[in-house]
């Protein structure tokens, strides 16, 4: 069985749906 991963949480802007690598927000 393939476990479904939860949506990525961005460490940078703390939003779901993308990783910190994909984040377009400037790093604070």
C-alpha atoms as a PDB file:
ATOM      1  CA  UNK A   1       0.000   0.000   0.000  1.00  0.00           C
ATOM      2  CA  UNK A   2       1.139   3.502  -0.791  1.00  0.00           C
ATOM      3  CA  UNK A   3       0.679   5.925   2.061  1.00  0.00           C
ATOM      4  CA  UNK A   4      -0.704   9.273   0.995  1.00  0.00           C
ATOM      5  CA  UNK A   5       1.522  12.042   2.236  1.00  0.00           C
ATOM      6  CA  UNK A   6      -0.110  15.067   3.846  1.00  0.00           C
ATOM      7  CA  UNK A   7       0.183  18.330   1.889  1.00  0.00           C
ATOM      8  CA  UNK A   8       3.525  20.034   2.158  1.00  0.00           C
ATOM      9  CA  UNK A   9       3.816  22.678   4.835  1.00  0.00           C
ATOM     10  CA  UNK A  10       6.147  25.499   3.880  1.00  0.00           C
ATOM     11  CA  UNK A  11       8.608  26.277   6.668  1.00  0.00           C
ATOM     12  CA  UNK A  12       9.123  29.735   5.220  1.00  0.00           C
ATOM     13  CA  UNK A  13       5.615  31.197   4.986  1.00  0.00           C
ATOM     14  CA  UNK A  14       3.862  28.438   6.949  1.00  0.00           C
ATOM     15  CA  UNK A  15       1.316  27.795   4.202  1.00  0.00           C
ATOM     16  CA  UNK A  16       0.169  24.397   2.988  1.00  0.00           C
ATOM     17  CA  UNK A  17       0.441  23.117  -0.547  1.00  0.00           C
ATOM     18  CA  UNK A  18       4.108  23.707  -1.286  1.00  0.00           C
ATOM     19  CA  UNK A  19       7.516  23.076   0.201  1.00  0.00           C
ATOM     20  CA  UNK A  20       9.952  25.712   1.383  1.00  0.00           C
ATOM     21  CA  UNK A  21      12.006  25.093  -1.778  1.00  0.00           C
ATOM     22  CA  UNK A  22       9.034  26.043  -3.913  1.00  0.00           C
ATOM     23  CA  UNK A  23       8.111  29.064  -1.835  1.00  0.00           C
ATOM     24  CA  UNK A  24       8.308  32.392  -3.613  1.00  0.00           C
ATOM     25  CA  UNK A  25       8.131  34.442  -0.442  1.00  0.00           C
ATOM     26  CA  UNK A  26      11.418  36.064   0.614  1.00  0.00           C
ATOM     27  CA  UNK A  27      13.006  34.334   3.578  1.00  0.00           C
ATOM     28  CA  UNK A  28      12.456  36.276   6.762  1.00  0.00           C
END
